[in-house]
Amino acid sequence: MFGLTEEQVSDFGMTFGVGAFMLFMLFIIGEIAWKSKAGKTGTVVLFFVLAFGMLGFVAKAVIQKIWGI
């Protein structure tokens, strides 16, 4: 596709595609907090609990960059 290998397309999708999806999920979490009138503490808890899974994906990318994997 467009002169790119399958590996390059996959790498692009895993970085920018999943990154964009994660930003969208953060928007959704913020919308949930706003519509439920969660307050400051409730909003922090929502973001921490619901976005905690994304932290592993980000940590994996950072570790791969640091170690050169």
PDB file of N, CA and C in Angstrom:
ATOM      1  N   MET A   1       0.841  -1.169   0.000  1.00  0.00           N
ATOM      2  CA  MET A   1       0.000   0.000   0.000  1.00  0.00           C
ATOM      3  C   MET A   1       0.891   1.237   0.000  1.00  0.00           C
ATOM      4  N   PHE A   2       0.773   2.063  -1.009  1.00  0.00           N
ATOM      5  CA  PHE A   2       1.532   3.301  -1.150  1.00  0.00           C
ATOM      6  C   PHE A   2       3.040   3.075  -1.061  1.00  0.00           C
ATOM      7  N   GLY A   3       3.516   1.910  -1.477  1.00  0.00           N
ATOM      8  CA  GLY A   3       4.939   1.612  -1.467  1.00  0.00           C
ATOM      9  C   GLY A   3       5.491   1.280  -0.088  1.00  0.00           C
ATOM     10  N   LEU A   4       4.633   0.978   0.867  1.00  0.00           N
ATOM     11  CA  LEU A   4       5.068   0.635   2.215  1.00  0.00           C
ATOM     12  C   LEU A   4       4.955  -0.864   2.432  1.00  0.00           C
ATOM     13  N   THR A   5       5.812  -1.366   3.289  1.00  0.00           N
ATOM     14  CA  THR A   5       5.735  -2.785   3.622  1.00  0.00           C
ATOM     15  C   THR A   5       4.646  -2.998   4.669  1.00  0.00           C
ATOM     16  N   GLU A   6       4.296  -4.248   4.873  1.00  0.00           N
ATOM     17  CA  GLU A   6       3.289  -4.585   5.870  1.00  0.00           C
ATOM     18  C   GLU A   6       3.747  -4.186   7.270  1.00  0.00           C
ATOM     19  N   GLU A   7       5.023  -4.335   7.530  1.00  0.00           N
ATOM     20  CA  GLU A   7       5.568  -3.974   8.841  1.00  0.00           C
ATOM     21  C   GLU A   7       5.453  -2.469   9.094  1.00  0.00           C
ATOM     22  N   GLN A   8       5.710  -1.661   8.074  1.00  0.00           N
ATOM     23  CA  GLN A   8       5.623  -0.215   8.228  1.00  0.00           C
ATOM     24  C   GLN A   8       4.178   0.232   8.460  1.00  0.00           C
ATOM     25  N   VAL A   9       3.249  -0.360   7.746  1.00  0.00           N
ATOM     26  CA  VAL A   9       1.838  -0.031   7.924  1.00  0.00           C
ATOM     27  C   VAL A   9       1.375  -0.440   9.327  1.00  0.00           C
ATOM     28  N   SER A  10       1.782  -1.615   9.762  1.00  0.00           N
ATOM     29  CA  SER A  10       1.419  -2.100  11.087  1.00  0.00           C
ATOM     30  C   SER A  10       2.011  -1.208  12.179  1.00  0.00           C
ATOM     31  N   ASP A  11       3.266  -0.812  12.022  1.00  0.00           N
ATOM     32  CA  ASP A  11       3.917   0.056  13.004  1.00  0.00           C
ATOM     33  C   ASP A  11       3.213   1.405  13.076  1.00  0.00           C
ATOM     34  N   PHE A  12       2.848   1.957  11.928  1.00  0.00           N
ATOM     35  CA  PHE A  12       2.121   3.229  11.886  1.00  0.00           C
ATOM     36  C   PHE A  12       0.781   3.104  12.606  1.00  0.00           C
ATOM     37  N   GLY A  13       0.067   2.028  12.336  1.00  0.00           N
ATOM     38  CA  GLY A  13      -1.233   1.815  12.969  1.00  0.00           C
ATOM     39  C   GLY A  13      -1.136   1.626  14.465  1.00  0.00           C
ATOM     40  N   MET A  14      -0.094   0.926  14.902  1.00  0.00           N
ATOM     41  CA  MET A  14       0.059   0.681  16.327  1.00  0.00           C
ATOM     42  C   MET A  14       0.499   1.924  17.088  1.00  0.00           C
ATOM     43  N   THR A  15       1.136   2.871  16.437  1.00  0.00           N
ATOM     44  CA  THR A  15       1.554   4.078  17.149  1.00  0.00           C
ATOM     45  C   THR A  15       0.504   5.181  17.007  1.00  0.00           C
ATOM     46  N   PHE A  16       0.243   5.611  15.789  1.00  0.00           N
ATOM     47  CA  PHE A  16      -0.662   6.736  15.587  1.00  0.00           C
ATOM     48  C   PHE A  16      -2.130   6.331  15.678  1.00  0.00           C
ATOM     49  N   GLY A  17      -2.475   5.188  15.140  1.00  0.00           N
ATOM     50  CA  GLY A  17      -3.871   4.750  15.179  1.00  0.00           C
ATOM     51  C   GLY A  17      -4.342   4.468  16.591  1.00  0.00           C
ATOM     52  N   VAL A  18      -3.573   3.700  17.333  1.00  0.00           N
ATOM     53  CA  VAL A  18      -3.949   3.390  18.712  1.00  0.00           C
ATOM     54  C   VAL A  18      -3.818   4.638  19.582  1.00  0.00           C
ATOM     55  N   GLY A  19      -2.822   5.480  19.292  1.00  0.00           N
ATOM     56  CA  GLY A  19      -2.678   6.734  20.035  1.00  0.00           C
ATOM     57  C   GLY A  19      -3.885   7.637  19.857  1.00  0.00           C
ATOM     58  N   ALA A  20      -4.383   7.745  18.631  1.00  0.00           N
ATOM     59  CA  ALA A  20      -5.583   8.548  18.366  1.00  0.00           C
ATOM     60  C   ALA A  20      -6.797   7.947  19.063  1.00  0.00           C
ATOM     61  N   PHE A  21      -6.888   6.626  19.061  1.00  0.00           N
ATOM     62  CA  PHE A  21      -7.989   5.955  19.748  1.00  0.00           C
ATOM     63  C   PHE A  21      -7.922   6.199  21.250  1.00  0.00           C
ATOM     64  N   MET A  22      -6.720   6.220  21.815  1.00  0.00           N
ATOM     65  CA  MET A  22      -6.561   6.491  23.240  1.00  0.00           C
ATOM     66  C   MET A  22      -6.990   7.914  23.584  1.00  0.00           C
ATOM     67  N   LEU A  23      -6.642   8.879  22.736  1.00  0.00           N
ATOM     68  CA  LEU A  23      -7.090  10.253  22.963  1.00  0.00           C
ATOM     69  C   LEU A  23      -8.611  10.345  22.909  1.00  0.00           C
ATOM     70  N   PHE A  24      -9.204   9.613  21.993  1.00  0.00           N
ATOM     71  CA  PHE A  24     -10.665   9.590  21.894  1.00  0.00           C
ATOM     72  C   PHE A  24     -11.284   8.987  23.158  1.00  0.00           C
ATOM     73  N   MET A  25     -10.665   7.939  23.680  1.00  0.00           N
ATOM     74  CA  MET A  25     -11.171   7.324  24.911  1.00  0.00           C
ATOM     75  C   MET A  25     -11.052   8.294  26.094  1.00  0.00           C
ATOM     76  N   LEU A  26      -9.973   9.103  26.133  1.00  0.00           N
ATOM     77  CA  LEU A  26      -9.855  10.108  27.190  1.00  0.00           C
ATOM     78  C   LEU A  26     -10.966  11.152  27.075  1.00  0.00           C
ATOM     79  N   PHE A  27     -11.290  11.518  25.843  1.00  0.00           N
ATOM     80  CA  PHE A  27     -12.410  12.431  25.623  1.00  0.00           C
ATOM     81  C   PHE A  27     -13.711  11.822  26.151  1.00  0.00           C
ATOM     82  N   ILE A  28     -13.929  10.558  25.893  1.00  0.00           N
ATOM     83  CA  ILE A  28     -15.143   9.879  26.356  1.00  0.00           C
ATOM     84  C   ILE A  28     -15.183   9.841  27.881  1.00  0.00           C
ATOM     85  N   ILE A  29     -14.049   9.576  28.526  1.00  0.00           N
ATOM     86  CA  ILE A  29     -14.004   9.551  29.986  1.00  0.00           C
ATOM     87  C   ILE A  29     -14.340  10.933  30.543  1.00  0.00           C
ATOM     88  N   GLY A  30     -13.788  11.973  29.928  1.00  0.00           N
ATOM     89  CA  GLY A  30     -14.114  13.331  30.352  1.00  0.00           C
ATOM     90  C   GLY A  30     -15.584  13.649  30.179  1.00  0.00           C
ATOM     91  N   GLU A  31     -16.160  13.187  29.092  1.00  0.00           N
ATOM     92  CA  GLU A  31     -17.588  13.393  28.838  1.00  0.00           C
ATOM     93  C   GLU A  31     -18.434  12.675  29.886  1.00  0.00           C
ATOM     94  N   ILE A  32     -18.030  11.469  30.253  1.00  0.00           N
ATOM     95  CA  ILE A  32     -18.745  10.721  31.296  1.00  0.00           C
ATOM     96  C   ILE A  32     -18.673  11.475  32.620  1.00  0.00           C
ATOM     97  N   ALA A  33     -17.483  11.980  32.954  1.00  0.00           N
ATOM     98  CA  ALA A  33     -17.327  12.720  34.207  1.00  0.00           C
ATOM     99  C   ALA A  33     -18.173  13.985  34.202  1.00  0.00           C
ATOM    100  N   TRP A  34     -18.228  14.667  33.065  1.00  0.00           N
ATOM    101  CA  TRP A  34     -18.980  15.916  32.985  1.00  0.00           C
ATOM    102  C   TRP A  34     -20.484  15.667  33.079  1.00  0.00           C
ATOM    103  N   LYS A  35     -20.971  14.661  32.348  1.00  0.00           N
ATOM    104  CA  LYS A  35     -22.409  14.390  32.333  1.00  0.00           C
ATOM    105  C   LYS A  35     -22.908  13.813  33.655  1.00  0.00           C
ATOM    106  N   SER A  36     -22.036  13.101  34.372  1.00  0.00           N
ATOM    107  CA  SER A  36     -22.459  12.531  35.649  1.00  0.00           C
ATOM    108  C   SER A  36     -22.254  13.505  36.803  1.00  0.00           C
ATOM    109  N   LYS A  37     -21.684  14.693  36.505  1.00  0.00           N
ATOM    110  CA  LYS A  37     -21.405  15.705  37.527  1.00  0.00           C
ATOM    111  C   LYS A  37     -20.601  15.101  38.670  1.00  0.00           C
ATOM    112  N   ALA A  38     -19.493  14.461  38.303  1.00  0.00           N
ATOM    113  CA  ALA A  38     -18.700  13.695  39.252  1.00  0.00           C
ATOM    114  C   ALA A  38     -17.916  14.562  40.233  1.00  0.00           C
ATOM    115  N   GLY A  39     -17.687  15.806  39.921  1.00  0.00           N
ATOM    116  CA  GLY A  39     -16.870  16.642  40.794  1.00  0.00           C
ATOM    117  C   GLY A  39     -15.389  16.392  40.547  1.00  0.00           C
ATOM    118  N   LYS A  40     -14.550  17.089  41.292  1.00  0.00           N
ATOM    119  CA  LYS A  40     -13.104  16.974  41.067  1.00  0.00           C
ATOM    120  C   LYS A  40     -12.579  15.594  41.447  1.00  0.00           C
ATOM    121  N   THR A  41     -12.958  15.129  42.631  1.00  0.00           N
ATOM    122  CA  THR A  41     -12.469  13.827  43.090  1.00  0.00           C
ATOM    123  C   THR A  41     -12.989  12.701  42.206  1.00  0.00           C
ATOM    124  N   GLY A  42     -14.250  12.756  41.878  1.00  0.00           N
ATOM    125  CA  GLY A  42     -14.844  11.732  41.018  1.00  0.00           C
ATOM    126  C   GLY A  42     -14.218  11.711  39.636  1.00  0.00           C
ATOM    127  N   THR A  43     -13.904  12.883  39.108  1.00  0.00           N
ATOM    128  CA  THR A  43     -13.269  12.961  37.794  1.00  0.00           C
ATOM    129  C   THR A  43     -11.877  12.352  37.831  1.00  0.00           C
ATOM    130  N   VAL A  44     -11.127  12.648  38.890  1.00  0.00           N
ATOM    131  CA  VAL A  44      -9.785  12.072  39.030  1.00  0.00           C
ATOM    132  C   VAL A  44      -9.876  10.556  39.131  1.00  0.00           C
ATOM    133  N   VAL A  45     -10.827  10.070  39.909  1.00  0.00           N
ATOM    134  CA  VAL A  45     -11.000   8.621  40.054  1.00  0.00           C
ATOM    135  C   VAL A  45     -11.385   7.995  38.718  1.00  0.00           C
ATOM    136  N   LEU A  46     -12.304   8.616  37.994  1.00  0.00           N
ATOM    137  CA  LEU A  46     -12.702   8.085  36.684  1.00  0.00           C
ATOM    138  C   LEU A  46     -11.514   8.013  35.732  1.00  0.00           C
ATOM    139  N   PHE A  47     -10.757   9.102  35.652  1.00  0.00           N
ATOM    140  CA  PHE A  47      -9.607   9.098  34.757  1.00  0.00           C
ATOM    141  C   PHE A  47      -8.580   8.069  35.182  1.00  0.00           C
ATOM    142  N   PHE A  48      -8.321   7.945  36.478  1.00  0.00           N
ATOM    143  CA  PHE A  48      -7.323   6.984  36.951  1.00  0.00           C
ATOM    144  C   PHE A  48      -7.742   5.555  36.660  1.00  0.00           C
ATOM    145  N   VAL A  49      -8.968   5.225  37.034  1.00  0.00           N
ATOM    146  CA  VAL A  49      -9.425   3.841  36.890  1.00  0.00           C
ATOM    147  C   VAL A  49      -9.620   3.458  35.424  1.00  0.00           C
ATOM    148  N   LEU A  50     -10.295   4.312  34.656  1.00  0.00           N
ATOM    149  CA  LEU A  50     -10.614   3.949  33.280  1.00  0.00           C
ATOM    150  C   LEU A  50      -9.429   4.094  32.331  1.00  0.00           C
ATOM    151  N   ALA A  51      -8.493   4.984  32.657  1.00  0.00           N
ATOM    152  CA  ALA A  51      -7.345   5.186  31.774  1.00  0.00           C
ATOM    153  C   ALA A  51      -6.125   4.389  32.222  1.00  0.00           C
ATOM    154  N   PHE A  52      -6.235   3.647  33.312  1.00  0.00           N
ATOM    155  CA  PHE A  52      -5.094   2.900  33.833  1.00  0.00           C
ATOM    156  C   PHE A  52      -4.596   1.851  32.846  1.00  0.00           C
ATOM    157  N   GLY A  53      -5.487   1.245  32.087  1.00  0.00           N
ATOM    158  CA  GLY A  53      -5.091   0.248  31.099  1.00  0.00           C
ATOM    159  C   GLY A  53      -4.250   0.825  29.976  1.00  0.00           C
ATOM    160  N   MET A  54      -4.486   2.095  29.661  1.00  0.00           N
ATOM    161  CA  MET A  54      -3.709   2.749  28.602  1.00  0.00           C
ATOM    162  C   MET A  54      -2.268   2.994  29.043  1.00  0.00           C
ATOM    163  N   LEU A  55      -2.063   3.086  30.341  1.00  0.00           N
ATOM    164  CA  LEU A  55      -0.728   3.346  30.867  1.00  0.00           C
ATOM    165  C   LEU A  55       0.243   2.226  30.490  1.00  0.00           C
ATOM    166  N   GLY A  56      -0.223   1.001  30.476  1.00  0.00           N
ATOM    167  CA  GLY A  56       0.621  -0.132  30.093  1.00  0.00           C
ATOM    168  C   GLY A  56       1.074  -0.041  28.647  1.00  0.00           C
ATOM    169  N   PHE A  57       0.182   0.373  27.773  1.00  0.00           N
ATOM    170  CA  PHE A  57       0.542   0.514  26.362  1.00  0.00           C
ATOM    171  C   PHE A  57       1.579   1.611  26.172  1.00  0.00           C
ATOM    172  N   VAL A  58       1.398   2.727  26.869  1.00  0.00           N
ATOM    173  CA  VAL A  58       2.352   3.833  26.774  1.00  0.00           C
ATOM    174  C   VAL A  58       3.695   3.421  27.371  1.00  0.00           C
ATOM    175  N   ALA A  59       3.669   2.730  28.511  1.00  0.00           N
ATOM    176  CA  ALA A  59       4.909   2.277  29.145  1.00  0.00           C
ATOM    177  C   ALA A  59       5.660   1.310  28.228  1.00  0.00           C
ATOM    178  N   LYS A  60       4.938   0.437  27.556  1.00  0.00           N
ATOM    179  CA  LYS A  60       5.567  -0.502  26.627  1.00  0.00           C
ATOM    180  C   LYS A  60       6.290   0.240  25.512  1.00  0.00           C
ATOM    181  N   ALA A  61       5.654   1.255  24.956  1.00  0.00           N
ATOM    182  CA  ALA A  61       6.273   2.033  23.881  1.00  0.00           C
ATOM    183  C   ALA A  61       7.511   2.772  24.373  1.00  0.00           C
ATOM    184  N   VAL A  62       7.433   3.337  25.578  1.00  0.00           N
ATOM    185  CA  VAL A  62       8.576   4.064  26.132  1.00  0.00           C
ATOM    186  C   VAL A  62       9.745   3.113  26.405  1.00  0.00           C
ATOM    187  N   ILE A  63       9.456   1.966  26.983  1.00  0.00           N
ATOM    188  CA  ILE A  63      10.505   0.988  27.281  1.00  0.00           C
ATOM    189  C   ILE A  63      11.161   0.497  25.995  1.00  0.00           C
ATOM    190  N   GLN A  64      10.372   0.260  24.958  1.00  0.00           N
ATOM    191  CA  GLN A  64      10.930  -0.174  23.682  1.00  0.00           C
ATOM    192  C   GLN A  64      11.844   0.894  23.097  1.00  0.00           C
ATOM    193  N   LYS A  65      11.466   2.156  23.210  1.00  0.00           N
ATOM    194  CA  LYS A  65      12.312   3.251  22.689  1.00  0.00           C
ATOM    195  C   LYS A  65      13.610   3.339  23.476  1.00  0.00           C
ATOM    196  N   ILE A  66      13.522   3.256  24.792  1.00  0.00           N
ATOM    197  CA  ILE A  66      14.718   3.395  25.648  1.00  0.00           C
ATOM    198  C   ILE A  66      15.670   2.245  25.407  1.00  0.00           C
ATOM    199  N   TRP A  67      15.173   1.041  25.364  1.00  0.00           N
ATOM    200  CA  TRP A  67      16.030  -0.143  25.207  1.00  0.00           C
ATOM    201  C   TRP A  67      16.388  -0.420  23.757  1.00  0.00           C
ATOM    202  N   GLY A  68      15.764   0.274  22.827  1.00  0.00           N
ATOM    203  CA  GLY A  68      16.071   0.084  21.413  1.00  0.00           C
ATOM    204  C   GLY A  68      15.562  -1.227  20.851  1.00  0.00           C
ATOM    205  N   ILE A  69      14.450  -1.691  21.352  1.00  0.00           N
ATOM    206  CA  ILE A  69      13.883  -2.968  20.903  1.00  0.00           C
ATOM    207  C   ILE A  69      13.052  -2.727  19.659  1.00  0.00           C
TER     208      ILE A  69
END
